């Protein structure tokens, strides 16, 4: 499984505009990351909290629904978050570079 994860991480990281990829476990701790330690920890803590709040919001609005994907766009970056029960995949990209494809 480690080889598959590493290959997937490498494939995603190689896409145009991708600045970082972080994989977190269910506790919000990094399993793999292309960022430095401090930035990985910061993204892990903040995004984990955001995902938990968003899951709660979705469930409050409709208890038959659940969060499957979250996309956050700022002036500088686009952060795509794919939450799962065991893992959390975070991809940070520069939307300007992606639009130039």
PDB file of N, CA and C in Angstrom:
ATOM      1  N   UNK A   1       0.815  -1.198   0.000  1.00  0.00           N
ATOM      2  CA  UNK A   1       0.000   0.000   0.000  1.00  0.00           C
ATOM      3  C   UNK A   1       0.858   1.262   0.000  1.00  0.00           C
ATOM      4  N   UNK A   2       1.995   1.228   0.677  1.00  0.00           N
ATOM      5  CA  UNK A   2       2.871   2.391   0.738  1.00  0.00           C
ATOM      6  C   UNK A   2       3.329   2.816  -0.645  1.00  0.00           C
ATOM      7  N   UNK A   3       3.624   1.845  -1.505  1.00  0.00           N
ATOM      8  CA  UNK A   3       4.060   2.154  -2.861  1.00  0.00           C
ATOM      9  C   UNK A   3       2.937   2.857  -3.614  1.00  0.00           C
ATOM     10  N   UNK A   4       1.695   2.371  -3.468  1.00  0.00           N
ATOM     11  CA  UNK A   4       0.550   3.006  -4.129  1.00  0.00           C
ATOM     12  C   UNK A   4       0.362   4.438  -3.647  1.00  0.00           C
ATOM     13  N   UNK A   5       0.478   4.651  -2.348  1.00  0.00           N
ATOM     14  CA  UNK A   5       0.318   5.993  -1.782  1.00  0.00           C
ATOM     15  C   UNK A   5       1.408   6.915  -2.306  1.00  0.00           C
ATOM     16  N   UNK A   6       2.642   6.443  -2.308  1.00  0.00           N
ATOM     17  CA  UNK A   6       3.755   7.250  -2.800  1.00  0.00           C
ATOM     18  C   UNK A   6       3.601   7.579  -4.277  1.00  0.00           C
ATOM     19  N   UNK A   7       3.165   6.620  -5.071  1.00  0.00           N
ATOM     20  CA  UNK A   7       2.969   6.856  -6.501  1.00  0.00           C
ATOM     21  C   UNK A   7       1.829   7.843  -6.750  1.00  0.00           C
ATOM     22  N   UNK A   8       0.761   7.723  -5.982  1.00  0.00           N
ATOM     23  CA  UNK A   8      -0.366   8.651  -6.112  1.00  0.00           C
ATOM     24  C   UNK A   8       0.062  10.057  -5.713  1.00  0.00           C
ATOM     25  N   UNK A   9       0.790  10.163  -4.624  1.00  0.00           N
ATOM     26  CA  UNK A   9       1.295  11.451  -4.163  1.00  0.00           C
ATOM     27  C   UNK A   9       2.185  12.089  -5.237  1.00  0.00           C
ATOM     28  N   UNK A  10       3.040  11.299  -5.821  1.00  0.00           N
ATOM     29  CA  UNK A  10       3.942  11.779  -6.865  1.00  0.00           C
ATOM     30  C   UNK A  10       3.165  12.216  -8.112  1.00  0.00           C
ATOM     31  N   UNK A  11       2.148  11.432  -8.480  1.00  0.00           N
ATOM     32  CA  UNK A  11       1.338  11.748  -9.663  1.00  0.00           C
ATOM     33  C   UNK A  11       0.569  13.052  -9.460  1.00  0.00           C
ATOM     34  N   UNK A  12      -0.063  13.214  -8.299  1.00  0.00           N
ATOM     35  CA  UNK A  12      -0.812  14.438  -8.017  1.00  0.00           C
ATOM     36  C   UNK A  12       0.129  15.636  -7.955  1.00  0.00           C
ATOM     37  N   UNK A  13       1.260  15.474  -7.298  1.00  0.00           N
ATOM     38  CA  UNK A  13       2.233  16.565  -7.159  1.00  0.00           C
ATOM     39  C   UNK A  13       2.766  17.030  -8.507  1.00  0.00           C
ATOM     40  N   UNK A  14       2.786  16.139  -9.479  1.00  0.00           N
ATOM     41  CA  UNK A  14       3.307  16.468 -10.797  1.00  0.00           C
ATOM     42  C   UNK A  14       2.346  17.233 -11.688  1.00  0.00           C
ATOM     43  N   UNK A  15       1.112  17.368 -11.271  1.00  0.00           N
ATOM     44  CA  UNK A  15       0.126  18.102 -12.073  1.00  0.00           C
ATOM     45  C   UNK A  15       0.442  19.592 -12.063  1.00  0.00           C
ATOM     46  N   UNK A  16       0.172  20.242 -13.173  1.00  0.00           N
ATOM     47  CA  UNK A  16       0.446  21.672 -13.300  1.00  0.00           C
ATOM     48  C   UNK A  16      -0.346  22.460 -12.261  1.00  0.00           C
ATOM     49  N   UNK A  17       0.336  23.352 -11.584  1.00  0.00           N
ATOM     50  CA  UNK A  17      -0.302  24.216 -10.609  1.00  0.00           C
ATOM     51  C   UNK A  17      -0.323  23.679  -9.193  1.00  0.00           C
ATOM     52  N   UNK A  18      -0.071  22.387  -9.014  1.00  0.00           N
ATOM     53  CA  UNK A  18      -0.108  21.810  -7.669  1.00  0.00           C
ATOM     54  C   UNK A  18       1.125  22.265  -6.881  1.00  0.00           C
ATOM     55  N   UNK A  19       0.845  22.866  -5.723  1.00  0.00           N
ATOM     56  CA  UNK A  19       1.915  23.370  -4.866  1.00  0.00           C
ATOM     57  C   UNK A  19       2.219  22.447  -3.698  1.00  0.00           C
ATOM     58  N   UNK A  20       1.212  21.687  -3.263  1.00  0.00           N
ATOM     59  CA  UNK A  20       1.423  20.807  -2.115  1.00  0.00           C
ATOM     60  C   UNK A  20       0.352  19.731  -2.069  1.00  0.00           C
ATOM     61  N   UNK A  21       0.736  18.599  -1.489  1.00  0.00           N
ATOM     62  CA  UNK A  21      -0.199  17.509  -1.222  1.00  0.00           C
ATOM     63  C   UNK A  21       0.087  17.030   0.195  1.00  0.00           C
ATOM     64  N   UNK A  22      -0.986  16.896   0.974  1.00  0.00           N
ATOM     65  CA  UNK A  22      -0.856  16.433   2.354  1.00  0.00           C
ATOM     66  C   UNK A  22      -1.892  15.339   2.576  1.00  0.00           C
ATOM     67  N   UNK A  23      -1.470  14.244   3.192  1.00  0.00           N
ATOM     68  CA  UNK A  23      -2.390  13.175   3.574  1.00  0.00           C
ATOM     69  C   UNK A  23      -2.353  13.074   5.093  1.00  0.00           C
ATOM     70  N   UNK A  24      -3.540  13.188   5.698  1.00  0.00           N
ATOM     71  CA  UNK A  24      -3.658  13.125   7.146  1.00  0.00           C
ATOM     72  C   UNK A  24      -4.403  11.873   7.561  1.00  0.00           C
ATOM     73  N   UNK A  25      -4.129  11.393   8.763  1.00  0.00           N
ATOM     74  CA  UNK A  25      -4.921  10.288   9.303  1.00  0.00           C
ATOM     75  C   UNK A  25      -6.176  10.863   9.961  1.00  0.00           C
ATOM     76  N   UNK A  26      -6.995  10.030  10.552  1.00  0.00           N
ATOM     77  CA  UNK A  26      -8.261  10.485  11.133  1.00  0.00           C
ATOM     78  C   UNK A  26      -8.070  11.404  12.341  1.00  0.00           C
ATOM     79  N   UNK A  27      -6.886  11.399  12.945  1.00  0.00           N
ATOM     80  CA  UNK A  27      -6.601  12.294  14.065  1.00  0.00           C
ATOM     81  C   UNK A  27      -6.015  13.627  13.607  1.00  0.00           C
ATOM     82  N   UNK A  28      -5.845  13.793  12.298  1.00  0.00           N
ATOM     83  CA  UNK A  28      -5.302  15.040  11.766  1.00  0.00           C
ATOM     84  C   UNK A  28      -3.794  15.095  11.724  1.00  0.00           C
ATOM     85  N   UNK A  29      -3.140  13.957  11.905  1.00  0.00           N
ATOM     86  CA  UNK A  29      -1.681  13.923  11.861  1.00  0.00           C
ATOM     87  C   UNK A  29      -1.222  13.508  10.467  1.00  0.00           C
ATOM     88  N   UNK A  30      -0.164  14.147   9.999  1.00  0.00           N
ATOM     89  CA  UNK A  30       0.327  13.905   8.648  1.00  0.00           C
ATOM     90  C   UNK A  30       0.920  12.513   8.488  1.00  0.00           C
ATOM     91  N   UNK A  31       0.516  11.864   7.416  1.00  0.00           N
ATOM     92  CA  UNK A  31       1.084  10.574   7.034  1.00  0.00           C
ATOM     93  C   UNK A  31       2.123  10.808   5.938  1.00  0.00           C
ATOM     94  N   UNK A  32       1.763  11.669   4.996  1.00  0.00           N
ATOM     95  CA  UNK A  32       2.660  12.056   3.907  1.00  0.00           C
ATOM     96  C   UNK A  32       2.423  13.533   3.614  1.00  0.00           C
ATOM     97  N   UNK A  33       3.485  14.203   3.159  1.00  0.00           N
ATOM     98  CA  UNK A  33       3.338  15.609   2.805  1.00  0.00           C
ATOM     99  C   UNK A  33       4.486  16.044   1.918  1.00  0.00           C
ATOM    100  N   UNK A  34       4.186  16.992   1.047  1.00  0.00           N
ATOM    101  CA  UNK A  34       5.231  17.594   0.226  1.00  0.00           C
ATOM    102  C   UNK A  34       5.643  18.956   0.794  1.00  0.00           C
ATOM    103  N   UNK A  35       5.060  19.336   1.929  1.00  0.00           N
ATOM    104  CA  UNK A  35       5.399  20.587   2.609  1.00  0.00           C
ATOM    105  C   UNK A  35       6.427  20.333   3.705  1.00  0.00           C
ATOM    106  N   UNK A  36       7.033  21.409   4.197  1.00  0.00           N
ATOM    107  CA  UNK A  36       7.941  21.254   5.333  1.00  0.00           C
ATOM    108  C   UNK A  36       7.129  20.913   6.584  1.00  0.00           C
ATOM    109  N   UNK A  37       7.815  20.478   7.625  1.00  0.00           N
ATOM    110  CA  UNK A  37       7.165  19.984   8.845  1.00  0.00           C
ATOM    111  C   UNK A  37       6.201  20.999   9.464  1.00  0.00           C
ATOM    112  N   UNK A  38       6.661  22.248   9.637  1.00  0.00           N
ATOM    113  CA  UNK A  38       5.831  23.260  10.302  1.00  0.00           C
ATOM    114  C   UNK A  38       4.575  23.594   9.504  1.00  0.00           C
ATOM    115  N   UNK A  39       4.728  23.758   8.205  1.00  0.00           N
ATOM    116  CA  UNK A  39       3.576  24.075   7.357  1.00  0.00           C
ATOM    117  C   UNK A  39       2.618  22.882   7.270  1.00  0.00           C
ATOM    118  N   UNK A  40       3.164  21.685   7.237  1.00  0.00           N
ATOM    119  CA  UNK A  40       2.336  20.479   7.245  1.00  0.00           C
ATOM    120  C   UNK A  40       1.497  20.415   8.511  1.00  0.00           C
ATOM    121  N   UNK A  41       2.127  20.696   9.637  1.00  0.00           N
ATOM    122  CA  UNK A  41       1.419  20.673  10.924  1.00  0.00           C
ATOM    123  C   UNK A  41       0.318  21.731  10.953  1.00  0.00           C
ATOM    124  N   UNK A  42       0.621  22.920  10.441  1.00  0.00           N
ATOM    125  CA  UNK A  42      -0.359  24.001  10.419  1.00  0.00           C
ATOM    126  C   UNK A  42      -1.552  23.645   9.526  1.00  0.00           C
ATOM    127  N   UNK A  43      -1.273  23.171   8.324  1.00  0.00           N
ATOM    128  CA  UNK A  43      -2.357  22.758   7.426  1.00  0.00           C
ATOM    129  C   UNK A  43      -3.169  21.634   8.061  1.00  0.00           C
ATOM    130  N   UNK A  44      -2.493  20.680   8.663  1.00  0.00           N
ATOM    131  CA  UNK A  44      -3.174  19.553   9.283  1.00  0.00           C
ATOM    132  C   UNK A  44      -4.149  19.981  10.359  1.00  0.00           C
ATOM    133  N   UNK A  45      -3.697  20.843  11.241  1.00  0.00           N
ATOM    134  CA  UNK A  45      -4.560  21.298  12.332  1.00  0.00           C
ATOM    135  C   UNK A  45      -5.731  22.129  11.821  1.00  0.00           C
ATOM    136  N   UNK A  46      -5.447  23.087  10.972  1.00  0.00           N
ATOM    137  CA  UNK A  46      -6.495  23.991  10.492  1.00  0.00           C
ATOM    138  C   UNK A  46      -7.509  23.300   9.585  1.00  0.00           C
ATOM    139  N   UNK A  47      -7.024  22.497   8.661  1.00  0.00           N
ATOM    140  CA  UNK A  47      -7.936  21.827   7.728  1.00  0.00           C
ATOM    141  C   UNK A  47      -8.760  20.762   8.444  1.00  0.00           C
ATOM    142  N   UNK A  48      -8.168  20.055   9.392  1.00  0.00           N
ATOM    143  CA  UNK A  48      -8.928  19.065  10.163  1.00  0.00           C
ATOM    144  C   UNK A  48     -10.086  19.726  10.902  1.00  0.00           C
ATOM    145  N   UNK A  49      -9.818  20.871  11.509  1.00  0.00           N
ATOM    146  CA  UNK A  49     -10.864  21.610  12.209  1.00  0.00           C
ATOM    147  C   UNK A  49     -11.942  22.077  11.240  1.00  0.00           C
ATOM    148  N   UNK A  50     -11.526  22.599  10.098  1.00  0.00           N
ATOM    149  CA  UNK A  50     -12.481  23.050   9.077  1.00  0.00           C
ATOM    150  C   UNK A  50     -13.370  21.905   8.600  1.00  0.00           C
ATOM    151  N   UNK A  51     -12.782  20.754   8.369  1.00  0.00           N
ATOM    152  CA  UNK A  51     -13.545  19.595   7.902  1.00  0.00           C
ATOM    153  C   UNK A  51     -14.545  19.145   8.968  1.00  0.00           C
ATOM    154  N   UNK A  52     -14.135  19.114  10.224  1.00  0.00           N
ATOM    155  CA  UNK A  52     -15.055  18.717  11.290  1.00  0.00           C
ATOM    156  C   UNK A  52     -16.227  19.685  11.399  1.00  0.00           C
ATOM    157  N   UNK A  53     -15.952  20.977  11.300  1.00  0.00           N
ATOM    158  CA  UNK A  53     -17.013  21.977  11.363  1.00  0.00           C
ATOM    159  C   UNK A  53     -17.947  21.855  10.154  1.00  0.00           C
ATOM    160  N   UNK A  54     -17.379  21.607   9.002  1.00  0.00           N
ATOM    161  CA  UNK A  54     -18.185  21.471   7.792  1.00  0.00           C
ATOM    162  C   UNK A  54     -19.032  20.215   7.846  1.00  0.00           C
ATOM    163  N   UNK A  55     -18.472  19.110   8.338  1.00  0.00           N
ATOM    164  CA  UNK A  55     -19.263  17.877   8.500  1.00  0.00           C
ATOM    165  C   UNK A  55     -20.454  18.116   9.421  1.00  0.00           C
ATOM    166  N   UNK A  56     -20.217  18.826  10.513  1.00  0.00           N
ATOM    167  CA  UNK A  56     -21.286  19.131  11.456  1.00  0.00           C
ATOM    168  C   UNK A  56     -22.356  19.999  10.798  1.00  0.00           C
ATOM    169  N   UNK A  57     -21.929  20.982  10.036  1.00  0.00           N
ATOM    170  CA  UNK A  57     -22.868  21.865   9.345  1.00  0.00           C
ATOM    171  C   UNK A  57     -23.719  21.092   8.352  1.00  0.00           C
ATOM    172  N   UNK A  58     -23.091  20.254   7.555  1.00  0.00           N
ATOM    173  CA  UNK A  58     -23.821  19.453   6.556  1.00  0.00           C
ATOM    174  C   UNK A  58     -24.825  18.539   7.256  1.00  0.00           C
ATOM    175  N   UNK A  59     -24.407  17.889   8.311  1.00  0.00           N
ATOM    176  CA  UNK A  59     -25.294  16.980   9.045  1.00  0.00           C
ATOM    177  C   UNK A  59     -26.441  17.732   9.714  1.00  0.00           C
ATOM    178  N   UNK A  60     -26.184  18.938  10.179  1.00  0.00           N
ATOM    179  CA  UNK A  60     -27.228  19.748  10.803  1.00  0.00           C
ATOM    180  C   UNK A  60     -28.267  20.173   9.769  1.00  0.00           C
ATOM    181  N   UNK A  61     -27.807  20.529   8.588  1.00  0.00           N
ATOM    182  CA  UNK A  61     -28.724  20.939   7.520  1.00  0.00           C
ATOM    183  C   UNK A  61     -29.532  19.777   6.975  1.00  0.00           C
ATOM    184  N   UNK A  62     -28.900  18.614   6.912  1.00  0.00           N
ATOM    185  CA  UNK A  62     -29.573  17.427   6.371  1.00  0.00           C
ATOM    186  C   UNK A  62     -28.906  16.194   6.969  1.00  0.00           C
ATOM    187  N   UNK A  63     -29.574  15.561   7.920  1.00  0.00           N
ATOM    188  CA  UNK A  63     -28.962  14.424   8.615  1.00  0.00           C
ATOM    189  C   UNK A  63     -28.823  13.176   7.744  1.00  0.00           C
ATOM    190  N   UNK A  64     -29.332  13.227   6.539  1.00  0.00           N
ATOM    191  CA  UNK A  64     -29.182  12.117   5.592  1.00  0.00           C
ATOM    192  C   UNK A  64     -28.026  12.360   4.618  1.00  0.00           C
ATOM    193  N   UNK A  65     -27.296  13.424   4.820  1.00  0.00           N
ATOM    194  CA  UNK A  65     -26.241  13.828   3.896  1.00  0.00           C
ATOM    195  C   UNK A  65     -24.892  13.803   4.613  1.00  0.00           C
ATOM    196  N   UNK A  66     -23.804  13.791   3.845  1.00  0.00           N
ATOM    197  CA  UNK A  66     -22.468  13.864   4.442  1.00  0.00           C
ATOM    198  C   UNK A  66     -21.509  14.550   3.489  1.00  0.00           C
ATOM    199  N   UNK A  67     -20.466  15.113   4.057  1.00  0.00           N
ATOM    200  CA  UNK A  67     -19.440  15.815   3.298  1.00  0.00           C
ATOM    201  C   UNK A  67     -18.615  14.817   2.492  1.00  0.00           C
ATOM    202  N   UNK A  68     -18.462  15.076   1.191  1.00  0.00           N
ATOM    203  CA  UNK A  68     -17.644  14.198   0.352  1.00  0.00           C
ATOM    204  C   UNK A  68     -16.447  14.928  -0.261  1.00  0.00           C
ATOM    205  N   UNK A  69     -16.561  16.252  -0.417  1.00  0.00           N
ATOM    206  CA  UNK A  69     -15.471  17.015  -1.013  1.00  0.00           C
ATOM    207  C   UNK A  69     -15.650  18.476  -0.634  1.00  0.00           C
ATOM    208  N   UNK A  70     -14.537  19.156  -0.430  1.00  0.00           N
ATOM    209  CA  UNK A  70     -14.589  20.568  -0.054  1.00  0.00           C
ATOM    210  C   UNK A  70     -13.536  21.307  -0.866  1.00  0.00           C
ATOM    211  N   UNK A  71     -13.959  22.400  -1.494  1.00  0.00           N
ATOM    212  CA  UNK A  71     -13.033  23.216  -2.286  1.00  0.00           C
ATOM    213  C   UNK A  71     -13.085  24.639  -1.753  1.00  0.00           C
ATOM    214  N   UNK A  72     -11.914  25.168  -1.426  1.00  0.00           N
ATOM    215  CA  UNK A  72     -11.791  26.506  -0.866  1.00  0.00           C
ATOM    216  C   UNK A  72     -10.861  27.300  -1.772  1.00  0.00           C
ATOM    217  N   UNK A  73     -11.355  28.428  -2.282  1.00  0.00           N
ATOM    218  CA  UNK A  73     -10.540  29.216  -3.200  1.00  0.00           C
ATOM    219  C   UNK A  73     -10.286  30.595  -2.615  1.00  0.00           C
ATOM    220  N   UNK A  74      -9.028  30.993  -2.628  1.00  0.00           N
ATOM    221  CA  UNK A  74      -8.623  32.319  -2.179  1.00  0.00           C
ATOM    222  C   UNK A  74      -7.970  33.032  -3.362  1.00  0.00           C
ATOM    223  N   UNK A  75      -7.489  34.236  -3.133  1.00  0.00           N
ATOM    224  CA  UNK A  75      -6.823  34.964  -4.213  1.00  0.00           C
ATOM    225  C   UNK A  75      -5.552  34.247  -4.683  1.00  0.00           C
ATOM    226  N   UNK A  76      -4.860  33.603  -3.739  1.00  0.00           N
ATOM    227  CA  UNK A  76      -3.575  32.981  -4.061  1.00  0.00           C
ATOM    228  C   UNK A  76      -3.665  31.492  -4.365  1.00  0.00           C
ATOM    229  N   UNK A  77      -4.542  30.783  -3.661  1.00  0.00           N
ATOM    230  CA  UNK A  77      -4.554  29.323  -3.757  1.00  0.00           C
ATOM    231  C   UNK A  77      -5.959  28.766  -3.838  1.00  0.00           C
ATOM    232  N   UNK A  78      -5.993  27.538  -4.247  1.00  0.00           N
ATOM    233  CA  UNK A  78      -7.212  26.745  -4.181  1.00  0.00           C
ATOM    234  C   UNK A  78      -6.844  25.508  -3.367  1.00  0.00           C
ATOM    235  N   UNK A  79      -7.631  25.240  -2.336  1.00  0.00           N
ATOM    236  CA  UNK A  79      -7.365  24.092  -1.482  1.00  0.00           C
ATOM    237  C   UNK A  79      -8.508  23.105  -1.687  1.00  0.00           C
ATOM    238  N   UNK A  80      -8.163  21.925  -2.150  1.00  0.00           N
ATOM    239  CA  UNK A  80      -9.148  20.879  -2.391  1.00  0.00           C
ATOM    240  C   UNK A  80      -8.965  19.814  -1.323  1.00  0.00           C
ATOM    241  N   UNK A  81     -10.067  19.455  -0.700  1.00  0.00           N
ATOM    242  CA  UNK A  81     -10.021  18.545   0.438  1.00  0.00           C
ATOM    243  C   UNK A  81     -10.961  17.379   0.179  1.00  0.00           C
ATOM    244  N   UNK A  82     -10.420  16.172   0.219  1.00  0.00           N
ATOM    245  CA  UNK A  82     -11.215  14.958   0.051  1.00  0.00           C
ATOM    246  C   UNK A  82     -11.192  14.195   1.375  1.00  0.00           C
ATOM    247  N   UNK A  83     -12.242  14.379   2.186  1.00  0.00           N
ATOM    248  CA  UNK A  83     -12.274  13.687   3.472  1.00  0.00           C
ATOM    249  C   UNK A  83     -12.802  12.267   3.337  1.00  0.00           C
ATOM    250  N   UNK A  84     -12.252  11.394   4.131  1.00  0.00           N
ATOM    251  CA  UNK A  84     -12.693  10.011   4.213  1.00  0.00           C
ATOM    252  C   UNK A  84     -12.794   9.696   5.703  1.00  0.00           C
ATOM    253  N   UNK A  85     -13.280   8.535   6.058  1.00  0.00           N
ATOM    254  CA  UNK A  85     -13.386   8.198   7.476  1.00  0.00           C
ATOM    255  C   UNK A  85     -12.016   7.989   8.116  1.00  0.00           C
ATOM    256  N   UNK A  86     -11.066   7.456   7.354  1.00  0.00           N
ATOM    257  CA  UNK A  86      -9.742   7.150   7.902  1.00  0.00           C
ATOM    258  C   UNK A  86      -8.666   8.153   7.504  1.00  0.00           C
ATOM    259  N   UNK A  87      -8.865   8.834   6.375  1.00  0.00           N
ATOM    260  CA  UNK A  87      -7.835   9.723   5.846  1.00  0.00           C
ATOM    261  C   UNK A  87      -8.437  11.022   5.345  1.00  0.00           C
ATOM    262  N   UNK A  88      -7.548  12.002   5.142  1.00  0.00           N
ATOM    263  CA  UNK A  88      -7.934  13.297   4.615  1.00  0.00           C
ATOM    264  C   UNK A  88      -6.873  13.681   3.594  1.00  0.00           C
ATOM    265  N   UNK A  89      -7.289  13.906   2.363  1.00  0.00           N
ATOM    266  CA  UNK A  89      -6.362  14.304   1.307  1.00  0.00           C
ATOM    267  C   UNK A  89      -6.533  15.796   1.057  1.00  0.00           C
ATOM    268  N   UNK A  90      -5.428  16.523   1.112  1.00  0.00           N
ATOM    269  CA  UNK A  90      -5.428  17.963   0.883  1.00  0.00           C
ATOM    270  C   UNK A  90      -4.510  18.255  -0.300  1.00  0.00           C
ATOM    271  N   UNK A  91      -5.030  18.980  -1.275  1.00  0.00           N
ATOM    272  CA  UNK A  91      -4.221  19.400  -2.414  1.00  0.00           C
ATOM    273  C   UNK A  91      -4.304  20.918  -2.494  1.00  0.00           C
ATOM    274  N   UNK A  92      -3.147  21.564  -2.501  1.00  0.00           N
ATOM    275  CA  UNK A  92      -3.077  23.015  -2.624  1.00  0.00           C
ATOM    276  C   UNK A  92      -2.534  23.319  -4.015  1.00  0.00           C
ATOM    277  N   UNK A  93      -3.278  24.150  -4.730  1.00  0.00           N
ATOM    278  CA  UNK A  93      -2.806  24.486  -6.070  1.00  0.00           C
ATOM    279  C   UNK A  93      -2.954  25.977  -6.332  1.00  0.00           C
ATOM    280  N   UNK A  94      -2.227  26.455  -7.326  1.00  0.00           N
ATOM    281  CA  UNK A  94      -2.321  27.811  -7.795  1.00  0.00           C
ATOM    282  C   UNK A  94      -3.342  27.819  -8.926  1.00  0.00           C
ATOM    283  N   UNK A  95      -4.534  28.399  -8.718  1.00  0.00           N
ATOM    284  CA  UNK A  95      -5.569  28.338  -9.743  1.00  0.00           C
ATOM    285  C   UNK A  95      -5.186  29.061 -11.032  1.00  0.00           C
ATOM    286  N   UNK A  96      -4.335  30.073 -10.952  1.00  0.00           N
ATOM    287  CA  UNK A  96      -3.908  30.796 -12.148  1.00  0.00           C
ATOM    288  C   UNK A  96      -3.115  29.871 -13.079  1.00  0.00           C
ATOM    289  N   UNK A  97      -2.274  29.029 -12.515  1.00  0.00           N
ATOM    290  CA  UNK A  97      -1.499  28.079 -13.327  1.00  0.00           C
ATOM    291  C   UNK A  97      -2.381  27.024 -13.951  1.00  0.00           C
ATOM    292  N   UNK A  98      -3.372  26.566 -13.213  1.00  0.00           N
ATOM    293  CA  UNK A  98      -4.276  25.541 -13.708  1.00  0.00           C
ATOM    294  C   UNK A  98      -5.102  26.076 -14.863  1.00  0.00           C
ATOM    295  N   UNK A  99      -5.527  27.344 -14.770  1.00  0.00           N
ATOM    296  CA  UNK A  99      -6.354  27.965 -15.803  1.00  0.00           C
ATOM    297  C   UNK A  99      -5.585  28.143 -17.107  1.00  0.00           C
ATOM    298  N   UNK A 100      -4.261  28.175 -17.062  1.00  0.00           N
ATOM    299  CA  UNK A 100      -3.439  28.371 -18.247  1.00  0.00           C
ATOM    300  C   UNK A 100      -3.269  27.110 -19.077  1.00  0.00           C
ATOM    301  N   UNK A 101      -3.800  25.998 -18.602  1.00  0.00           N
ATOM    302  CA  UNK A 101      -3.629  24.723 -19.321  1.00  0.00           C
ATOM    303  C   UNK A 101      -4.360  24.748 -20.638  1.00  0.00           C
TER     304      UNK A 101
END
